[in-house]
């Protein structure tokens, strides 16, 4: 287990990195507003991706796996976040570690990328943009995003499609 001093150093560096990103974004005309827009549209975009795959013939199972992985990752992140209670950088009262958005977006992107690599790569790019925007908009610190993405990757790995053996 890490020492309290080591943990303090890591958390302080995380806060500084998030603060630095937010100050850089604030320095750009319209930067904060753009970050807020990207942060707020990310979750609906991933919900639409899963729904679109569910509705598209030939992609229904992929859509179902993506939706289940995203929901499971988000739920696990919420349980962990509520248990840990690490404060967010902004005004929101609930904890931010790990990020539910990062967990869900990563899980969905990785599940999709297994069967649709180009679509999965586009989803990962969208996720990276939206998650960086969540740091810039003071919804999260960088480690919140990294932990959420790691959780999402683990869920995607668990929910991978099992191939049936032919006998």
N, C-alpha and C. Protein backbone atom coordinates (compact mmCIF):
# COMPACT_ATOMS: atom_id res chain seq x y z
N UNK A 1 0.84 -1.18 0.00
CA UNK A 1 0.00 0.00 0.00
C UNK A 1 0.89 1.24 0.00
N UNK A 2 0.48 2.26 -0.71
CA UNK A 2 1.26 3.48 -0.83
C UNK A 2 1.25 4.26 0.48
N UNK A 3 2.34 4.93 0.74
CA UNK A 3 2.42 5.74 1.94
C UNK A 3 1.55 6.98 1.77
N UNK A 4 1.10 7.56 2.89
CA UNK A 4 0.29 8.78 2.79
C UNK A 4 1.03 9.93 2.11
N UNK A 5 2.35 9.98 2.33
CA UNK A 5 3.13 11.06 1.70
C UNK A 5 3.15 10.89 0.18
N UNK A 6 3.35 9.66 -0.27
CA UNK A 6 3.37 9.39 -1.71
C UNK A 6 2.01 9.71 -2.32
N UNK A 7 0.94 9.29 -1.64
CA UNK A 7 -0.41 9.57 -2.12
C UNK A 7 -0.64 11.07 -2.20
N UNK A 8 -0.19 11.81 -1.21
CA UNK A 8 -0.35 13.27 -1.21
C UNK A 8 0.35 13.91 -2.39
N UNK A 9 1.55 13.43 -2.69
CA UNK A 9 2.32 13.96 -3.82
C UNK A 9 1.58 13.70 -5.13
N UNK A 10 1.07 12.48 -5.29
CA UNK A 10 0.35 12.12 -6.52
C UNK A 10 -0.92 12.96 -6.66
N UNK A 11 -1.68 13.08 -5.60
CA UNK A 11 -2.92 13.85 -5.66
C UNK A 11 -2.65 15.33 -5.91
N UNK A 12 -1.59 15.87 -5.33
CA UNK A 12 -1.24 17.27 -5.57
C UNK A 12 -0.83 17.48 -7.02
N UNK A 13 -0.07 16.55 -7.57
CA UNK A 13 0.33 16.65 -8.98
C UNK A 13 -0.90 16.55 -9.89
N UNK A 14 -1.83 15.70 -9.53
CA UNK A 14 -3.06 15.56 -10.30
C UNK A 14 -3.85 16.88 -10.29
N UNK A 15 -3.99 17.48 -9.14
CA UNK A 15 -4.72 18.76 -9.02
C UNK A 15 -4.01 19.85 -9.84
N UNK A 16 -2.67 19.86 -9.77
CA UNK A 16 -1.93 20.87 -10.54
C UNK A 16 -2.13 20.67 -12.05
N UNK A 17 -2.09 19.41 -12.50
CA UNK A 17 -2.28 19.13 -13.93
C UNK A 17 -3.67 19.56 -14.38
N UNK A 18 -4.69 19.25 -13.59
CA UNK A 18 -6.04 19.67 -13.94
C UNK A 18 -6.18 21.17 -13.95
N UNK A 19 -5.61 21.83 -12.95
CA UNK A 19 -5.65 23.29 -12.86
C UNK A 19 -4.93 23.93 -14.04
N UNK A 20 -3.81 23.35 -14.42
CA UNK A 20 -3.04 23.87 -15.56
C UNK A 20 -3.87 23.76 -16.85
N UNK A 21 -4.50 22.62 -17.06
CA UNK A 21 -5.33 22.46 -18.25
C UNK A 21 -6.48 23.47 -18.24
N UNK A 22 -7.13 23.63 -17.09
CA UNK A 22 -8.25 24.58 -17.02
C UNK A 22 -7.80 26.00 -17.29
N UNK A 23 -6.63 26.39 -16.79
CA UNK A 23 -6.14 27.76 -17.04
C UNK A 23 -5.78 27.95 -18.51
N UNK A 24 -5.23 26.92 -19.14
CA UNK A 24 -4.90 27.02 -20.58
C UNK A 24 -6.17 27.16 -21.41
N UNK A 25 -7.20 26.41 -21.06
CA UNK A 25 -8.47 26.48 -21.79
C UNK A 25 -9.13 27.84 -21.57
N UNK A 26 -9.07 28.36 -20.34
CA UNK A 26 -9.65 29.67 -20.04
C UNK A 26 -8.98 30.79 -20.84
N UNK A 27 -7.70 30.60 -21.15
CA UNK A 27 -6.94 31.63 -21.88
C UNK A 27 -7.36 31.73 -23.35
N UNK A 28 -8.05 30.74 -23.85
CA UNK A 28 -8.51 30.74 -25.24
C UNK A 28 -9.91 31.34 -25.28
N UNK A 29 -10.13 32.26 -26.20
CA UNK A 29 -11.46 32.87 -26.34
C UNK A 29 -12.51 31.78 -26.62
N UNK A 30 -13.50 31.68 -25.76
CA UNK A 30 -14.55 30.67 -25.91
C UNK A 30 -14.13 29.29 -25.49
N UNK A 31 -12.95 29.17 -24.89
CA UNK A 31 -12.42 27.86 -24.52
C UNK A 31 -13.27 27.14 -23.49
N UNK A 32 -13.65 27.87 -22.44
CA UNK A 32 -14.45 27.23 -21.39
C UNK A 32 -15.81 26.79 -21.94
N UNK A 33 -16.43 27.64 -22.74
CA UNK A 33 -17.74 27.30 -23.30
C UNK A 33 -17.65 26.09 -24.22
N UNK A 34 -16.59 26.03 -25.01
CA UNK A 34 -16.39 24.88 -25.89
C UNK A 34 -16.15 23.60 -25.09
N UNK A 35 -15.37 23.71 -24.04
CA UNK A 35 -15.12 22.55 -23.18
C UNK A 35 -16.42 22.09 -22.53
N UNK A 36 -17.21 23.03 -22.06
CA UNK A 36 -18.48 22.68 -21.42
C UNK A 36 -19.40 21.98 -22.41
N UNK A 37 -19.46 22.48 -23.65
CA UNK A 37 -20.30 21.86 -24.68
C UNK A 37 -19.83 20.43 -24.99
N UNK A 38 -18.53 20.26 -25.16
CA UNK A 38 -17.99 18.92 -25.44
C UNK A 38 -18.24 17.97 -24.27
N UNK A 39 -18.08 18.46 -23.06
CA UNK A 39 -18.30 17.62 -21.88
C UNK A 39 -19.76 17.21 -21.76
N UNK A 40 -20.66 18.13 -22.06
CA UNK A 40 -22.09 17.86 -21.91
C UNK A 40 -22.68 17.01 -23.03
N UNK A 41 -22.04 16.99 -24.19
CA UNK A 41 -22.59 16.21 -25.30
C UNK A 41 -21.99 14.81 -25.40
N UNK A 42 -20.98 14.53 -24.61
CA UNK A 42 -20.32 13.23 -24.72
C UNK A 42 -21.25 12.08 -24.35
N UNK A 43 -21.90 12.15 -23.19
CA UNK A 43 -22.75 11.04 -22.75
C UNK A 43 -23.89 10.78 -23.75
N UNK A 44 -24.61 11.80 -24.20
CA UNK A 44 -25.66 11.53 -25.20
C UNK A 44 -25.11 10.95 -26.50
N UNK A 45 -23.91 11.34 -26.88
CA UNK A 45 -23.32 10.80 -28.12
C UNK A 45 -23.06 9.30 -27.98
N UNK A 46 -22.58 8.86 -26.83
CA UNK A 46 -22.33 7.43 -26.64
C UNK A 46 -23.62 6.64 -26.47
N UNK A 47 -24.61 7.25 -25.86
CA UNK A 47 -25.92 6.60 -25.78
C UNK A 47 -26.51 6.44 -27.18
N UNK A 48 -26.36 7.45 -28.01
CA UNK A 48 -26.85 7.38 -29.39
C UNK A 48 -26.10 6.33 -30.19
N UNK A 49 -24.80 6.19 -29.96
CA UNK A 49 -24.02 5.17 -30.65
C UNK A 49 -24.55 3.78 -30.31
N UNK A 50 -24.73 3.49 -29.03
CA UNK A 50 -25.25 2.18 -28.62
C UNK A 50 -26.65 1.95 -29.16
N UNK A 51 -27.50 2.97 -29.09
CA UNK A 51 -28.87 2.85 -29.60
C UNK A 51 -28.87 2.64 -31.11
N UNK A 52 -28.04 3.39 -31.82
CA UNK A 52 -27.95 3.22 -33.27
C UNK A 52 -27.53 1.82 -33.66
N UNK A 53 -26.57 1.27 -32.95
CA UNK A 53 -26.15 -0.10 -33.23
C UNK A 53 -27.26 -1.10 -32.90
N UNK A 54 -27.98 -0.83 -31.82
CA UNK A 54 -29.11 -1.71 -31.46
C UNK A 54 -30.19 -1.72 -32.53
N UNK A 55 -30.40 -0.59 -33.16
CA UNK A 55 -31.47 -0.46 -34.16
C UNK A 55 -31.05 -0.90 -35.56
N UNK A 56 -29.75 -0.99 -35.80
CA UNK A 56 -29.24 -1.30 -37.13
C UNK A 56 -29.20 -2.82 -37.34
N UNK A 57 -29.89 -3.32 -38.36
CA UNK A 57 -29.82 -4.76 -38.63
C UNK A 57 -28.36 -5.19 -38.84
N UNK A 58 -28.02 -6.31 -38.28
CA UNK A 58 -26.65 -6.81 -38.38
C UNK A 58 -25.73 -6.30 -37.29
N UNK A 59 -26.21 -5.34 -36.50
CA UNK A 59 -25.38 -4.78 -35.42
C UNK A 59 -26.09 -4.84 -34.08
N UNK A 60 -27.19 -5.51 -34.02
CA UNK A 60 -27.99 -5.50 -32.78
C UNK A 60 -27.25 -6.11 -31.60
N UNK A 61 -26.57 -7.23 -31.82
CA UNK A 61 -25.83 -7.86 -30.71
C UNK A 61 -24.67 -6.97 -30.26
N UNK A 62 -24.00 -6.35 -31.21
CA UNK A 62 -22.93 -5.43 -30.87
C UNK A 62 -23.48 -4.26 -30.06
N UNK A 63 -24.62 -3.72 -30.49
CA UNK A 63 -25.25 -2.63 -29.75
C UNK A 63 -25.64 -3.04 -28.35
N UNK A 64 -26.16 -4.26 -28.23
CA UNK A 64 -26.54 -4.76 -26.90
C UNK A 64 -25.32 -4.92 -26.01
N UNK A 65 -24.23 -5.48 -26.55
CA UNK A 65 -23.00 -5.64 -25.76
C UNK A 65 -22.43 -4.28 -25.36
N UNK A 66 -22.47 -3.32 -26.28
CA UNK A 66 -21.96 -1.98 -25.97
C UNK A 66 -22.80 -1.31 -24.89
N UNK A 67 -24.13 -1.45 -25.00
CA UNK A 67 -25.02 -0.84 -24.01
C UNK A 67 -24.82 -1.48 -22.63
N UNK A 68 -24.72 -2.79 -22.59
CA UNK A 68 -24.52 -3.48 -21.32
C UNK A 68 -23.17 -3.10 -20.71
N UNK A 69 -22.14 -3.08 -21.52
CA UNK A 69 -20.81 -2.72 -21.02
C UNK A 69 -20.79 -1.29 -20.50
N UNK A 70 -21.39 -0.36 -21.24
CA UNK A 70 -21.43 1.03 -20.81
C UNK A 70 -22.20 1.21 -19.52
N UNK A 71 -23.36 0.54 -19.42
CA UNK A 71 -24.17 0.64 -18.20
C UNK A 71 -23.46 0.01 -17.01
N UNK A 72 -22.86 -1.15 -17.21
CA UNK A 72 -22.15 -1.83 -16.12
C UNK A 72 -20.96 -1.01 -15.64
N UNK A 73 -20.20 -0.47 -16.58
CA UNK A 73 -19.04 0.34 -16.20
C UNK A 73 -19.47 1.60 -15.45
N UNK A 74 -20.52 2.24 -15.93
CA UNK A 74 -21.02 3.44 -15.25
C UNK A 74 -21.52 3.13 -13.84
N UNK A 75 -22.22 2.01 -13.70
CA UNK A 75 -22.73 1.63 -12.38
C UNK A 75 -21.58 1.31 -11.41
N UNK A 76 -20.61 0.55 -11.88
CA UNK A 76 -19.45 0.23 -11.02
C UNK A 76 -18.69 1.49 -10.63
N UNK A 77 -18.53 2.41 -11.57
CA UNK A 77 -17.84 3.67 -11.26
C UNK A 77 -18.63 4.48 -10.24
N UNK A 78 -19.95 4.48 -10.36
CA UNK A 78 -20.77 5.23 -9.40
C UNK A 78 -20.63 4.64 -7.99
N UNK A 79 -20.68 3.32 -7.89
CA UNK A 79 -20.52 2.68 -6.58
C UNK A 79 -19.15 3.03 -5.99
N UNK A 80 -18.10 2.92 -6.80
CA UNK A 80 -16.76 3.25 -6.32
C UNK A 80 -16.66 4.73 -5.96
N UNK A 81 -17.20 5.58 -6.81
CA UNK A 81 -17.14 7.03 -6.57
C UNK A 81 -17.82 7.39 -5.25
N UNK A 82 -18.99 6.80 -5.01
CA UNK A 82 -19.72 7.11 -3.78
C UNK A 82 -18.99 6.59 -2.55
N UNK A 83 -18.31 5.45 -2.69
CA UNK A 83 -17.56 4.89 -1.56
C UNK A 83 -16.30 5.69 -1.28
N UNK A 84 -15.64 6.17 -2.32
CA UNK A 84 -14.36 6.89 -2.16
C UNK A 84 -14.60 8.33 -1.75
N UNK A 85 -15.51 9.00 -2.42
CA UNK A 85 -15.88 10.37 -2.06
C UNK A 85 -14.83 11.43 -2.30
N UNK A 86 -13.93 11.21 -3.25
CA UNK A 86 -12.91 12.23 -3.56
C UNK A 86 -13.58 13.45 -4.17
N UNK A 87 -13.33 14.64 -3.62
CA UNK A 87 -14.00 15.85 -4.13
C UNK A 87 -13.61 16.17 -5.57
N UNK A 88 -14.53 16.77 -6.25
CA UNK A 88 -14.30 17.25 -7.62
C UNK A 88 -13.64 18.63 -7.57
N UNK A 89 -13.06 19.06 -8.68
CA UNK A 89 -12.46 20.39 -8.68
C UNK A 89 -13.50 21.50 -8.75
N UNK A 90 -14.67 21.22 -9.28
CA UNK A 90 -15.71 22.24 -9.45
C UNK A 90 -16.66 22.27 -8.28
N UNK A 91 -17.85 22.79 -8.54
CA UNK A 91 -18.83 23.03 -7.49
C UNK A 91 -19.69 21.81 -7.15
N UNK A 92 -19.67 20.77 -7.97
CA UNK A 92 -20.53 19.61 -7.71
C UNK A 92 -20.14 18.92 -6.42
N UNK A 93 -21.16 18.52 -5.66
CA UNK A 93 -20.92 17.98 -4.32
C UNK A 93 -20.47 16.53 -4.33
N UNK A 94 -21.00 15.70 -5.24
CA UNK A 94 -20.65 14.28 -5.20
C UNK A 94 -19.21 14.09 -5.66
N UNK A 95 -18.64 12.97 -5.27
CA UNK A 95 -17.27 12.67 -5.62
C UNK A 95 -17.08 12.49 -7.12
N UNK A 96 -15.83 12.50 -7.55
CA UNK A 96 -15.55 12.40 -8.97
C UNK A 96 -14.61 11.27 -9.36
N UNK A 97 -14.17 10.47 -8.38
CA UNK A 97 -13.19 9.42 -8.65
C UNK A 97 -13.80 8.07 -8.38
N UNK A 98 -13.86 7.23 -9.39
CA UNK A 98 -13.49 7.37 -10.80
C UNK A 98 -14.63 8.01 -11.61
N UNK A 99 -14.31 8.48 -12.77
CA UNK A 99 -15.29 9.12 -13.64
C UNK A 99 -16.23 8.09 -14.27
N UNK A 100 -17.53 8.28 -14.05
CA UNK A 100 -18.53 7.40 -14.69
C UNK A 100 -18.51 7.58 -16.20
N UNK A 101 -18.36 8.82 -16.65
CA UNK A 101 -18.33 9.07 -18.09
C UNK A 101 -17.15 8.37 -18.76
N UNK A 102 -16.00 8.42 -18.10
CA UNK A 102 -14.82 7.76 -18.66
C UNK A 102 -15.01 6.25 -18.70
N UNK A 103 -15.58 5.71 -17.64
CA UNK A 103 -15.81 4.26 -17.59
C UNK A 103 -16.75 3.83 -18.70
N UNK A 104 -17.87 4.51 -18.83
CA UNK A 104 -18.87 4.12 -19.84
C UNK A 104 -18.36 4.32 -21.26
N UNK A 105 -17.79 5.48 -21.53
CA UNK A 105 -17.32 5.78 -22.89
C UNK A 105 -16.21 4.82 -23.32
N UNK A 106 -15.31 4.50 -22.40
CA UNK A 106 -14.23 3.58 -22.73
C UNK A 106 -14.77 2.18 -22.97
N UNK A 107 -15.66 1.72 -22.11
CA UNK A 107 -16.24 0.39 -22.28
C UNK A 107 -16.96 0.27 -23.62
N UNK A 108 -17.77 1.25 -23.95
CA UNK A 108 -18.51 1.23 -25.22
C UNK A 108 -17.54 1.24 -26.39
N UNK A 109 -16.57 2.14 -26.36
CA UNK A 109 -15.61 2.25 -27.46
C UNK A 109 -14.84 0.96 -27.70
N UNK A 110 -14.40 0.34 -26.62
CA UNK A 110 -13.61 -0.89 -26.77
C UNK A 110 -14.47 -2.06 -27.25
N UNK A 111 -15.70 -2.15 -26.77
CA UNK A 111 -16.59 -3.21 -27.25
C UNK A 111 -16.86 -3.03 -28.73
N UNK A 112 -17.13 -1.81 -29.15
CA UNK A 112 -17.40 -1.53 -30.57
C UNK A 112 -16.17 -1.79 -31.42
N UNK A 113 -15.00 -1.43 -30.92
CA UNK A 113 -13.77 -1.56 -31.72
C UNK A 113 -13.42 -3.00 -32.06
N UNK A 114 -13.90 -3.95 -31.27
CA UNK A 114 -13.61 -5.36 -31.57
C UNK A 114 -14.24 -5.81 -32.88
N UNK A 115 -15.44 -5.32 -33.17
CA UNK A 115 -16.13 -5.74 -34.39
C UNK A 115 -16.13 -4.68 -35.48
N UNK A 116 -16.01 -3.44 -35.09
CA UNK A 116 -15.99 -2.33 -36.03
C UNK A 116 -14.82 -1.42 -35.69
N UNK A 117 -13.61 -1.80 -36.13
CA UNK A 117 -12.41 -1.07 -35.71
C UNK A 117 -12.43 0.42 -36.05
N UNK A 118 -12.92 0.78 -37.22
CA UNK A 118 -12.93 2.20 -37.61
C UNK A 118 -13.91 2.97 -36.74
N UNK A 119 -15.09 2.42 -36.53
CA UNK A 119 -16.09 3.06 -35.67
C UNK A 119 -15.58 3.12 -34.23
N UNK A 120 -14.94 2.07 -33.79
CA UNK A 120 -14.36 2.06 -32.44
C UNK A 120 -13.28 3.11 -32.27
N UNK A 121 -12.44 3.26 -33.29
CA UNK A 121 -11.38 4.28 -33.22
C UNK A 121 -11.99 5.68 -33.18
N UNK A 122 -13.03 5.91 -33.96
CA UNK A 122 -13.72 7.20 -33.94
C UNK A 122 -14.35 7.44 -32.57
N UNK A 123 -14.92 6.39 -31.99
CA UNK A 123 -15.51 6.52 -30.66
C UNK A 123 -14.45 6.83 -29.62
N UNK A 124 -13.28 6.21 -29.74
CA UNK A 124 -12.20 6.49 -28.78
C UNK A 124 -11.71 7.93 -28.91
N UNK A 125 -11.65 8.43 -30.12
CA UNK A 125 -11.25 9.82 -30.33
C UNK A 125 -12.29 10.77 -29.72
N UNK A 126 -13.56 10.47 -29.94
CA UNK A 126 -14.63 11.26 -29.34
C UNK A 126 -14.56 11.19 -27.82
N UNK A 127 -14.31 10.00 -27.29
CA UNK A 127 -14.20 9.85 -25.84
C UNK A 127 -13.03 10.66 -25.29
N UNK A 128 -11.88 10.58 -25.93
CA UNK A 128 -10.71 11.33 -25.45
C UNK A 128 -10.98 12.82 -25.44
N UNK A 129 -11.64 13.31 -26.48
CA UNK A 129 -11.98 14.73 -26.56
C UNK A 129 -12.94 15.12 -25.45
N UNK A 130 -14.00 14.33 -25.29
CA UNK A 130 -15.00 14.63 -24.27
C UNK A 130 -14.45 14.52 -22.86
N UNK A 131 -13.57 13.56 -22.64
CA UNK A 131 -13.02 13.38 -21.30
C UNK A 131 -12.02 14.48 -20.96
N UNK A 132 -11.24 14.90 -21.93
CA UNK A 132 -10.36 16.06 -21.69
C UNK A 132 -11.20 17.30 -21.41
N UNK A 133 -12.32 17.42 -22.10
CA UNK A 133 -13.22 18.55 -21.86
C UNK A 133 -13.82 18.49 -20.46
N UNK A 134 -14.04 17.30 -19.93
CA UNK A 134 -14.58 17.19 -18.57
C UNK A 134 -13.55 17.69 -17.54
N UNK A 135 -12.27 17.50 -17.82
CA UNK A 135 -11.23 18.06 -16.96
C UNK A 135 -11.21 19.58 -17.13
N UNK A 136 -11.25 20.03 -18.37
CA UNK A 136 -11.20 21.47 -18.65
C UNK A 136 -12.40 22.21 -18.08
N UNK A 137 -13.55 21.54 -18.00
CA UNK A 137 -14.77 22.17 -17.48
C UNK A 137 -14.89 22.02 -15.96
N UNK A 138 -13.86 21.50 -15.30
CA UNK A 138 -13.80 21.33 -13.85
C UNK A 138 -14.79 20.30 -13.32
N UNK A 139 -15.14 19.31 -14.15
CA UNK A 139 -15.96 18.20 -13.67
C UNK A 139 -15.09 17.13 -13.03
N UNK A 140 -13.84 17.02 -13.47
CA UNK A 140 -12.94 15.97 -13.01
C UNK A 140 -11.50 16.45 -13.01
N UNK A 141 -10.68 15.68 -12.32
CA UNK A 141 -9.23 15.82 -12.40
C UNK A 141 -8.73 14.71 -13.32
N UNK A 142 -7.52 14.81 -13.84
CA UNK A 142 -7.01 13.78 -14.76
C UNK A 142 -7.05 12.36 -14.21
N UNK A 143 -6.71 12.15 -12.94
CA UNK A 143 -6.73 10.80 -12.40
C UNK A 143 -8.13 10.21 -12.31
N UNK A 144 -9.14 11.07 -12.17
CA UNK A 144 -10.52 10.59 -12.20
C UNK A 144 -10.81 9.94 -13.55
N UNK A 145 -10.33 10.59 -14.60
CA UNK A 145 -10.54 10.10 -15.97
C UNK A 145 -9.76 8.81 -16.19
N UNK A 146 -8.51 8.80 -15.77
CA UNK A 146 -7.66 7.61 -15.96
C UNK A 146 -8.26 6.40 -15.23
N UNK A 147 -8.69 6.60 -14.00
CA UNK A 147 -9.28 5.50 -13.22
C UNK A 147 -10.59 5.02 -13.87
N UNK A 148 -11.41 5.96 -14.32
CA UNK A 148 -12.66 5.57 -14.98
C UNK A 148 -12.40 4.82 -16.27
N UNK A 149 -11.43 5.28 -17.04
CA UNK A 149 -11.09 4.59 -18.30
C UNK A 149 -10.56 3.18 -18.02
N UNK A 150 -9.75 3.05 -16.99
CA UNK A 150 -9.26 1.71 -16.62
C UNK A 150 -10.38 0.78 -16.21
N UNK A 151 -11.33 1.29 -15.47
CA UNK A 151 -12.49 0.50 -15.08
C UNK A 151 -13.31 0.11 -16.31
N UNK A 152 -13.50 1.06 -17.22
CA UNK A 152 -14.23 0.78 -18.46
C UNK A 152 -13.53 -0.26 -19.31
N UNK A 153 -12.22 -0.21 -19.36
CA UNK A 153 -11.46 -1.20 -20.13
C UNK A 153 -11.60 -2.59 -19.50
N UNK A 154 -11.61 -2.66 -18.19
CA UNK A 154 -11.79 -3.95 -17.52
C UNK A 154 -13.17 -4.52 -17.80
N UNK A 155 -14.18 -3.68 -17.75
CA UNK A 155 -15.54 -4.15 -18.04
C UNK A 155 -15.65 -4.60 -19.49
N UNK A 156 -15.06 -3.87 -20.40
CA UNK A 156 -15.09 -4.26 -21.82
C UNK A 156 -14.43 -5.62 -22.00
N UNK A 157 -13.36 -5.83 -21.31
CA UNK A 157 -12.65 -7.12 -21.40
C UNK A 157 -13.52 -8.26 -20.88
N UNK A 158 -14.20 -8.02 -19.79
CA UNK A 158 -15.07 -9.05 -19.20
C UNK A 158 -16.25 -9.36 -20.10
N UNK A 159 -16.78 -8.34 -20.77
CA UNK A 159 -17.99 -8.53 -21.59
C UNK A 159 -17.68 -8.91 -23.03
N UNK A 160 -16.44 -9.28 -23.29
CA UNK A 160 -16.12 -9.64 -24.68
C UNK A 160 -16.95 -10.84 -25.12
N UNK A 161 -17.18 -10.91 -26.37
CA UNK A 161 -18.00 -11.98 -26.95
C UNK A 161 -17.29 -13.31 -26.81
N UNK A 162 -18.00 -14.25 -26.30
CA UNK A 162 -17.47 -15.61 -26.16
C UNK A 162 -17.81 -16.39 -27.42
N UNK A 163 -16.84 -17.04 -27.96
CA UNK A 163 -17.09 -17.89 -29.13
C UNK A 163 -17.48 -19.27 -28.66
N UNK A 164 -18.50 -19.81 -29.29
CA UNK A 164 -18.95 -21.17 -28.94
C UNK A 164 -18.09 -22.18 -29.66
N UNK A 165 -17.78 -23.23 -28.94
CA UNK A 165 -17.02 -24.31 -29.55
C UNK A 165 -17.96 -25.21 -30.36
N UNK A 166 -17.50 -25.58 -31.49
CA UNK A 166 -18.28 -26.53 -32.30
C UNK A 166 -17.82 -27.93 -31.96
N UNK A 167 -18.78 -28.82 -31.77
CA UNK A 167 -18.42 -30.20 -31.44
C UNK A 167 -18.77 -31.14 -32.57
